[in-house]
């Protein structure tokens, strides 16, 4: 039952669509601009650096806050499986971001929220490796999609390697759950980027560009 509660908590936090709300304040419906996506990249392309930065921070921190609340609620009663519950909260936040019910389940692609999960559930080095690799790939290729997909793959690898090393302090079933969650997040990211993947393979993917600041 606690796992379901954590998912619900995460989903509720994930419903805070930073890009959509930022656009509304500036009389822009981000769903009708660019790719129609409510995430960081489309906010950056259609509304500028400020919008992109605020969207990323907001979408990242809503996951961090969801994990923090779950830790506050279950830290004493479920300390032995806290890493697992934190990941359930993070997965819920990604689901809420990607599939917000009040936007007809049309949200973002979950990368900024996944970054929040990464930051709040792993160590500093794991976070730096993932985010650093993402930044290098985007800087070199200017393909945000390629950087995003690489990030979720590395995240899954890190979770498995660190888990096998005993880094999370859990074993058995709960550890397998963590692996499954990380794998599901990777699969979800690839699914949400399926059009991007097709364009990458065809050599027609859009490179990073910045719209007019608003």
Protein backbone atom coordinates (compact mmCIF):
# COMPACT_ATOMS: atom_id res chain seq x y z
CA UNK A 1 0.00 0.00 0.00
CA UNK A 2 2.83 2.40 0.80
CA UNK A 3 4.14 1.97 -2.74
CA UNK A 4 0.80 3.06 -4.18
CA UNK A 5 0.75 6.06 -1.85
CA UNK A 6 4.22 7.06 -3.01
CA UNK A 7 3.16 6.77 -6.66
CA UNK A 8 0.12 8.94 -6.01
CA UNK A 9 2.16 11.55 -4.15
CA UNK A 10 4.63 11.65 -7.02
CA UNK A 11 1.86 11.89 -9.62
CA UNK A 12 0.25 14.83 -7.82
CA UNK A 13 3.55 16.71 -7.75
CA UNK A 14 4.15 15.79 -11.37
CA UNK A 15 0.93 17.52 -12.39
CA UNK A 16 2.61 20.89 -11.88
CA UNK A 17 3.39 21.63 -15.53
CA UNK A 18 5.96 24.40 -15.28
CA UNK A 19 6.23 25.11 -19.02
CA UNK A 20 2.49 25.16 -19.53
CA UNK A 21 1.89 27.42 -16.52
CA UNK A 22 4.77 29.73 -17.45
CA UNK A 23 3.33 30.04 -20.93
CA UNK A 24 -0.14 30.80 -19.60
CA UNK A 25 1.26 33.65 -17.51
CA UNK A 26 2.76 35.05 -20.71
CA UNK A 27 -0.39 34.37 -22.75
CA UNK A 28 1.18 31.49 -24.65
CA UNK A 29 -0.25 27.98 -24.89
CA UNK A 30 2.91 25.90 -25.23
CA UNK A 31 0.82 22.98 -26.47
CA UNK A 32 0.11 24.97 -29.63
CA UNK A 33 3.71 26.03 -30.21
CA UNK A 34 6.67 24.16 -31.65
CA UNK A 35 6.43 20.44 -30.98
CA UNK A 36 3.36 20.90 -28.78
CA UNK A 37 5.29 19.36 -25.89
CA UNK A 38 5.02 20.94 -22.44
CA UNK A 39 8.62 20.23 -21.45
CA UNK A 40 11.89 22.12 -21.22
CA UNK A 41 13.10 21.82 -24.81
CA UNK A 42 9.90 23.16 -26.37
CA UNK A 43 9.76 25.97 -23.80
CA UNK A 44 13.34 26.86 -24.71
CA UNK A 45 12.66 26.79 -28.42
CA UNK A 46 9.40 28.71 -28.34
CA UNK A 47 9.80 31.11 -25.41
CA UNK A 48 13.54 31.54 -24.87
CA UNK A 49 16.30 30.76 -22.37
CA UNK A 50 14.47 32.13 -19.34
CA UNK A 51 11.40 30.00 -20.03
CA UNK A 52 13.54 26.95 -20.69
CA UNK A 53 15.54 27.40 -17.49
CA UNK A 54 12.47 27.98 -15.32
CA UNK A 55 10.71 25.00 -16.88
CA UNK A 56 13.68 22.72 -16.26
CA UNK A 57 14.11 23.84 -12.65
CA UNK A 58 10.40 23.58 -11.90
CA UNK A 59 10.03 20.15 -13.48
CA UNK A 60 13.19 18.90 -11.80
CA UNK A 61 12.32 20.17 -8.34
CA UNK A 62 8.75 18.88 -8.34
CA UNK A 63 10.26 15.39 -8.37
CA UNK A 64 12.78 16.30 -5.69
CA UNK A 65 9.97 17.66 -3.51
CA UNK A 66 7.86 14.54 -4.04
CA UNK A 67 10.76 12.35 -2.93
CA UNK A 68 11.42 14.63 0.05
CA UNK A 69 7.77 14.37 1.17
CA UNK A 70 7.82 10.59 0.89
CA UNK A 71 11.01 10.47 2.95
CA UNK A 72 9.35 12.68 5.57
CA UNK A 73 6.29 10.45 5.76
CA UNK A 74 7.95 7.03 5.67
CA UNK A 75 11.46 7.64 7.03
CA UNK A 76 10.73 6.03 10.40
CA UNK A 77 8.13 3.41 9.53
CA UNK A 78 9.77 2.10 6.37
CA UNK A 79 13.43 3.01 6.71
CA UNK A 80 14.49 -0.42 5.40
CA UNK A 81 12.91 0.18 1.97
CA UNK A 82 13.20 3.96 1.78
CA UNK A 83 15.28 3.94 -1.43
CA UNK A 84 12.54 1.92 -3.14
CA UNK A 85 9.73 4.20 -1.94
CA UNK A 86 11.71 7.23 -3.09
CA UNK A 87 11.94 5.75 -6.58
CA UNK A 88 8.21 5.04 -6.63
CA UNK A 89 7.59 8.70 -5.80
CA UNK A 90 9.98 9.73 -8.55
CA UNK A 91 8.31 7.46 -11.08
CA UNK A 92 4.94 8.90 -10.07
CA UNK A 93 6.26 12.41 -10.69
CA UNK A 94 7.46 11.42 -14.15
CA UNK A 95 4.05 9.89 -14.91
CA UNK A 96 2.29 13.01 -13.67
CA UNK A 97 4.53 15.14 -15.84
CA UNK A 98 4.12 12.99 -18.93
CA UNK A 99 0.41 12.26 -18.54
CA UNK A 100 -1.39 15.08 -16.66
CA UNK A 101 -5.11 14.27 -16.59
CA UNK A 102 -6.18 17.92 -16.78
CA UNK A 103 -4.22 18.39 -20.02
CA UNK A 104 -5.80 15.34 -21.63
CA UNK A 105 -2.71 13.34 -20.63
CA UNK A 106 -0.49 15.38 -22.93
CA UNK A 107 2.51 16.61 -20.96
CA UNK A 108 6.26 16.48 -21.39
CA UNK A 109 8.76 13.68 -21.97
CA UNK A 110 9.91 13.34 -18.37
CA UNK A 111 13.63 14.04 -18.67
CA UNK A 112 13.77 17.02 -16.30
CA UNK A 113 11.63 15.10 -13.79
CA UNK A 114 13.93 12.10 -14.18
CA UNK A 115 16.88 14.39 -13.49
CA UNK A 116 15.13 15.34 -10.26
CA UNK A 117 14.78 11.66 -9.38
CA UNK A 118 18.45 11.12 -10.19
CA UNK A 119 19.54 14.00 -7.97
CA UNK A 120 17.30 13.00 -5.05
CA UNK A 121 17.93 9.24 -5.01
CA UNK A 122 21.57 8.76 -6.03
CA UNK A 123 24.92 10.10 -4.92
CA UNK A 124 26.67 13.18 -6.27
CA UNK A 125 29.01 11.28 -8.58
CA UNK A 126 26.18 9.35 -10.22
CA UNK A 127 24.29 12.57 -10.80
CA UNK A 128 27.34 14.32 -12.21
CA UNK A 129 28.10 11.48 -14.61
CA UNK A 130 24.56 11.40 -15.99
CA UNK A 131 23.98 15.13 -16.22
CA UNK A 132 27.54 15.83 -17.35
CA UNK A 133 27.23 13.29 -20.17
CA UNK A 134 23.91 14.82 -21.19
CA UNK A 135 25.42 18.31 -21.34
CA UNK A 136 28.47 17.18 -23.32
CA UNK A 137 26.36 15.33 -25.89
CA UNK A 138 23.99 18.26 -26.32
CA UNK A 139 26.89 20.72 -26.56
CA UNK A 140 28.66 18.65 -29.21
CA UNK A 141 25.70 17.45 -31.29
CA UNK A 142 23.00 19.98 -30.36
CA UNK A 143 20.57 17.08 -30.17
CA UNK A 144 18.69 17.30 -26.88
CA UNK A 145 16.91 14.05 -27.64
CA UNK A 146 20.19 12.14 -27.99
CA UNK A 147 21.45 13.56 -24.71
CA UNK A 148 18.18 12.69 -22.99
CA UNK A 149 18.17 9.09 -24.20
CA UNK A 150 21.81 8.65 -23.19
CA UNK A 151 21.00 10.00 -19.73
CA UNK A 152 18.27 7.43 -19.02
CA UNK A 153 20.44 4.57 -20.29
CA UNK A 154 23.35 5.59 -18.06
CA UNK A 155 20.90 6.04 -15.16
CA UNK A 156 19.71 2.44 -15.49
CA UNK A 157 23.29 1.16 -15.66
CA UNK A 158 24.27 3.18 -12.58
CA UNK A 159 21.29 1.93 -10.58
CA UNK A 160 22.15 -1.69 -11.36
CA UNK A 161 25.89 -1.33 -10.73
CA UNK A 162 25.48 0.68 -7.52
CA UNK A 163 22.72 -1.65 -6.34
CA UNK A 164 24.89 -4.72 -6.90
CA UNK A 165 27.61 -3.02 -4.89
CA UNK A 166 25.20 -2.63 -1.98
CA UNK A 167 25.13 1.13 -2.26
CA UNK A 168 21.41 1.52 -1.62
CA UNK A 169 21.36 -0.66 1.46
CA UNK A 170 18.60 -2.91 0.14
CA UNK A 171 18.64 -6.38 -1.38
CA UNK A 172 16.38 -9.07 -2.75
CA UNK A 173 12.94 -8.07 -3.96
CA UNK A 174 13.17 -4.34 -3.13
CA UNK A 175 16.45 -4.06 -5.06
CA UNK A 176 14.88 -5.77 -8.08
CA UNK A 177 12.01 -3.28 -7.83
CA UNK A 178 14.53 -0.45 -8.11
CA UNK A 179 16.01 -2.01 -11.23
CA UNK A 180 12.54 -2.46 -12.73
CA UNK A 181 11.58 1.17 -12.01
CA UNK A 182 14.79 2.47 -13.61
CA UNK A 183 14.17 0.21 -16.62
CA UNK A 184 10.55 1.39 -16.94
CA UNK A 185 11.69 5.01 -16.82
CA UNK A 186 14.17 4.30 -19.60
CA UNK A 187 11.52 2.54 -21.69
CA UNK A 188 9.10 5.42 -21.08
CA UNK A 189 11.70 7.95 -22.21
CA UNK A 190 12.39 5.99 -25.40
CA UNK A 191 8.66 5.71 -26.07
CA UNK A 192 8.11 9.45 -25.59
CA UNK A 193 11.06 10.12 -27.90
CA UNK A 194 10.02 7.67 -30.62
CA UNK A 195 9.52 10.45 -33.19
CA UNK A 196 12.90 11.92 -32.24
CA UNK A 197 14.57 8.53 -32.61
CA UNK A 198 13.13 8.15 -36.10
CA UNK A 199 14.43 11.59 -37.06
CA UNK A 200 17.84 10.84 -35.55
CA UNK A 201 18.09 7.70 -37.64
CA UNK A 202 16.99 9.62 -40.73
CA UNK A 203 19.34 12.52 -40.03
CA UNK A 204 16.44 14.98 -39.83
CA UNK A 205 16.27 15.58 -36.08
CA UNK A 206 15.89 19.21 -35.02
CA UNK A 207 18.97 20.70 -33.42
CA UNK A 208 18.82 22.85 -30.32
CA UNK A 209 17.64 26.38 -31.02
CA UNK A 210 16.39 29.14 -28.80
CA UNK A 211 13.27 31.19 -29.38
CA UNK A 212 12.69 34.81 -28.55
CA UNK A 213 12.92 35.56 -24.82
CA UNK A 214 9.64 36.46 -23.17
